[in-house]
Amino acid sequence: MTYKINIAKRYGRNWNNTEDAYTFYFRIETELFGDSLKKLVNEVLGHYPAPEYNVTVHKQYAYSEEVNL
């Protein structure tokens, strides 16, 4: 299992001018978890603050299975 930290950059307002609109900027993929992950996310938030940037974290599961050909 890994975690993806997505950083999106604000580029203006959405189509009906009700909220900020963001576009993908870059992603960090890490195997850190718990307090180490929180520390990394807080560090990223320090460099890329809201509302200019939107930082989200997603858990990513991986599954693989051997295939006999």
N, C-alpha and C. Protein backbone atom coordinates (compact mmCIF):
# COMPACT_ATOMS: atom_id res chain seq x y z
N MET A 1 0.85 -1.17 0.00
CA MET A 1 0.00 0.00 0.00
C MET A 1 0.90 1.24 0.00
N THR A 2 0.51 2.21 -0.80
CA THR A 2 1.22 3.48 -0.85
C THR A 2 0.21 4.61 -0.69
N TYR A 3 0.75 5.79 -0.48
CA TYR A 3 -0.08 6.99 -0.40
C TYR A 3 0.34 7.95 -1.49
N LYS A 4 -0.63 8.61 -2.09
CA LYS A 4 -0.37 9.64 -3.10
C LYS A 4 -0.75 10.99 -2.51
N ILE A 5 0.19 11.92 -2.54
CA ILE A 5 -0.08 13.29 -2.13
C ILE A 5 -0.15 14.10 -3.41
N ASN A 6 -1.34 14.59 -3.72
CA ASN A 6 -1.55 15.36 -4.94
C ASN A 6 -1.54 16.85 -4.62
N ILE A 7 -0.81 17.60 -5.41
CA ILE A 7 -0.76 19.05 -5.25
C ILE A 7 -1.34 19.66 -6.52
N ALA A 8 -2.37 20.47 -6.36
CA ALA A 8 -3.01 21.16 -7.47
C ALA A 8 -2.84 22.66 -7.27
N LYS A 9 -2.66 23.37 -8.37
CA LYS A 9 -2.44 24.82 -8.32
C LYS A 9 -3.70 25.55 -8.81
N ARG A 10 -4.06 26.59 -8.08
CA ARG A 10 -5.23 27.38 -8.45
C ARG A 10 -4.94 28.19 -9.72
N TYR A 11 -5.88 28.18 -10.64
CA TYR A 11 -5.71 28.96 -11.87
C TYR A 11 -6.81 29.98 -12.09
N GLY A 12 -7.75 30.07 -11.18
CA GLY A 12 -8.83 31.05 -11.32
C GLY A 12 -10.08 30.56 -10.66
N ARG A 13 -11.21 30.97 -11.20
CA ARG A 13 -12.51 30.56 -10.67
C ARG A 13 -13.13 29.51 -11.59
N ASN A 14 -14.08 28.75 -11.04
CA ASN A 14 -14.73 27.74 -11.86
C ASN A 14 -15.71 28.40 -12.84
N TRP A 15 -16.36 27.59 -13.65
CA TRP A 15 -17.18 28.09 -14.76
C TRP A 15 -18.30 29.03 -14.32
N ASN A 16 -18.86 28.81 -13.11
CA ASN A 16 -19.95 29.71 -12.68
C ASN A 16 -19.50 30.65 -11.55
N ASN A 17 -18.19 30.77 -11.37
CA ASN A 17 -17.59 31.73 -10.45
C ASN A 17 -18.03 31.53 -9.00
N THR A 18 -18.24 30.27 -8.58
CA THR A 18 -18.68 30.01 -7.21
C THR A 18 -17.54 29.53 -6.30
N GLU A 19 -16.45 29.03 -6.89
CA GLU A 19 -15.31 28.57 -6.08
C GLU A 19 -14.04 28.56 -6.92
N ASP A 20 -12.92 28.37 -6.25
CA ASP A 20 -11.64 28.31 -6.96
C ASP A 20 -11.54 27.05 -7.82
N ALA A 21 -10.83 27.17 -8.93
CA ALA A 21 -10.58 26.03 -9.81
C ALA A 21 -9.09 25.69 -9.75
N TYR A 22 -8.78 24.41 -9.72
CA TYR A 22 -7.41 23.94 -9.60
C TYR A 22 -7.07 23.00 -10.74
N THR A 23 -5.77 22.95 -11.06
CA THR A 23 -5.28 22.02 -12.06
C THR A 23 -4.10 21.26 -11.45
N PHE A 24 -3.93 20.01 -11.89
CA PHE A 24 -2.87 19.17 -11.36
C PHE A 24 -1.52 19.85 -11.51
N TYR A 25 -0.70 19.81 -10.46
CA TYR A 25 0.62 20.43 -10.47
C TYR A 25 1.69 19.34 -10.38
N PHE A 26 1.66 18.53 -9.31
CA PHE A 26 2.55 17.38 -9.22
C PHE A 26 2.05 16.43 -8.14
N ARG A 27 2.68 15.25 -8.07
CA ARG A 27 2.27 14.20 -7.14
C ARG A 27 3.49 13.61 -6.46
N ILE A 28 3.34 13.26 -5.19
CA ILE A 28 4.36 12.54 -4.44
C ILE A 28 3.76 11.19 -4.08
N GLU A 29 4.45 10.11 -4.40
CA GLU A 29 4.01 8.79 -4.00
C GLU A 29 4.98 8.28 -2.94
N THR A 30 4.43 7.81 -1.81
CA THR A 30 5.27 7.42 -0.69
C THR A 30 4.72 6.18 0.01
N GLU A 31 5.61 5.46 0.67
CA GLU A 31 5.21 4.32 1.50
C GLU A 31 5.17 4.70 2.97
N LEU A 32 5.41 5.96 3.28
CA LEU A 32 5.32 6.42 4.67
C LEU A 32 3.89 6.30 5.15
N PHE A 33 3.71 6.14 6.48
CA PHE A 33 2.37 6.10 7.05
C PHE A 33 2.43 6.65 8.47
N GLY A 34 1.27 6.84 9.06
CA GLY A 34 1.20 7.31 10.43
C GLY A 34 1.78 8.70 10.60
N ASP A 35 2.55 8.87 11.68
CA ASP A 35 3.13 10.18 12.00
C ASP A 35 4.10 10.66 10.93
N SER A 36 4.83 9.73 10.30
CA SER A 36 5.77 10.12 9.24
C SER A 36 5.03 10.71 8.05
N LEU A 37 3.90 10.11 7.69
CA LEU A 37 3.09 10.64 6.59
C LEU A 37 2.53 12.01 6.96
N LYS A 38 2.02 12.15 8.17
CA LYS A 38 1.48 13.44 8.62
C LYS A 38 2.56 14.52 8.58
N LYS A 39 3.77 14.17 9.00
CA LYS A 39 4.88 15.13 8.97
C LYS A 39 5.18 15.57 7.55
N LEU A 40 5.21 14.62 6.61
CA LEU A 40 5.46 14.95 5.21
C LEU A 40 4.35 15.84 4.65
N VAL A 41 3.10 15.51 4.94
CA VAL A 41 1.97 16.32 4.44
C VAL A 41 2.05 17.74 5.02
N ASN A 42 2.37 17.86 6.29
CA ASN A 42 2.49 19.20 6.89
C ASN A 42 3.63 19.98 6.27
N GLU A 43 4.72 19.31 5.91
CA GLU A 43 5.83 19.97 5.24
C GLU A 43 5.40 20.46 3.85
N VAL A 44 4.68 19.63 3.13
CA VAL A 44 4.18 20.02 1.80
C VAL A 44 3.23 21.21 1.94
N LEU A 45 2.33 21.15 2.93
CA LEU A 45 1.39 22.27 3.15
C LEU A 45 2.12 23.56 3.49
N GLY A 46 3.27 23.46 4.14
CA GLY A 46 4.06 24.64 4.46
C GLY A 46 4.64 25.30 3.22
N HIS A 47 4.98 24.48 2.22
CA HIS A 47 5.55 25.00 0.97
C HIS A 47 4.47 25.38 -0.05
N TYR A 48 3.32 24.72 0.03
CA TYR A 48 2.23 24.93 -0.93
C TYR A 48 0.93 25.21 -0.17
N PRO A 49 0.78 26.43 0.36
CA PRO A 49 -0.37 26.76 1.22
C PRO A 49 -1.66 26.99 0.44
N ALA A 50 -2.76 26.71 1.14
CA ALA A 50 -4.09 27.03 0.61
C ALA A 50 -4.29 28.54 0.74
N PRO A 51 -5.07 29.16 -0.07
CA PRO A 51 -5.88 28.60 -1.15
C PRO A 51 -5.17 28.56 -2.51
N GLU A 52 -3.91 29.01 -2.55
CA GLU A 52 -3.19 29.00 -3.83
C GLU A 52 -2.98 27.58 -4.34
N TYR A 53 -2.88 26.63 -3.42
CA TYR A 53 -2.69 25.22 -3.77
C TYR A 53 -3.70 24.38 -3.01
N ASN A 54 -4.05 23.24 -3.57
CA ASN A 54 -4.94 22.29 -2.92
C ASN A 54 -4.17 20.98 -2.77
N VAL A 55 -3.96 20.54 -1.54
CA VAL A 55 -3.20 19.33 -1.27
C VAL A 55 -4.17 18.25 -0.77
N THR A 56 -4.16 17.09 -1.41
CA THR A 56 -5.00 15.97 -1.01
C THR A 56 -4.15 14.73 -0.87
N VAL A 57 -4.61 13.80 -0.03
CA VAL A 57 -3.89 12.54 0.19
C VAL A 57 -4.84 11.39 -0.11
N HIS A 58 -4.34 10.41 -0.87
CA HIS A 58 -5.13 9.24 -1.25
C HIS A 58 -4.36 7.97 -0.93
N LYS A 59 -5.07 6.99 -0.39
CA LYS A 59 -4.48 5.68 -0.13
C LYS A 59 -4.60 4.86 -1.41
N GLN A 60 -3.52 4.21 -1.80
CA GLN A 60 -3.52 3.45 -3.05
C GLN A 60 -3.18 1.99 -2.73
N TYR A 61 -4.10 1.10 -3.07
CA TYR A 61 -3.88 -0.32 -2.87
C TYR A 61 -3.34 -0.93 -4.15
N ALA A 62 -2.45 -1.89 -4.00
CA ALA A 62 -1.90 -2.58 -5.18
C ALA A 62 -2.21 -4.07 -5.05
N TYR A 63 -2.58 -4.66 -6.15
CA TYR A 63 -2.89 -6.08 -6.17
C TYR A 63 -2.26 -6.69 -7.41
N SER A 64 -1.58 -7.76 -7.23
CA SER A 64 -1.00 -8.44 -8.39
C SER A 64 -1.23 -9.95 -8.25
N GLU A 65 -1.32 -10.59 -9.39
CA GLU A 65 -1.57 -12.03 -9.43
C GLU A 65 -0.78 -12.63 -10.57
N GLU A 66 -0.12 -13.74 -10.29
CA GLU A 66 0.66 -14.41 -11.33
C GLU A 66 -0.29 -15.04 -12.33
N VAL A 67 0.07 -14.89 -13.61
CA VAL A 67 -0.75 -15.45 -14.68
C VAL A 67 0.07 -16.53 -15.38
N ASN A 68 -0.50 -17.71 -15.44
CA ASN A 68 0.17 -18.81 -16.16
C ASN A 68 -0.22 -18.77 -17.63
N LEU A 69 0.75 -18.63 -18.49
CA LEU A 69 0.48 -18.58 -19.93
C LEU A 69 0.80 -19.89 -20.59
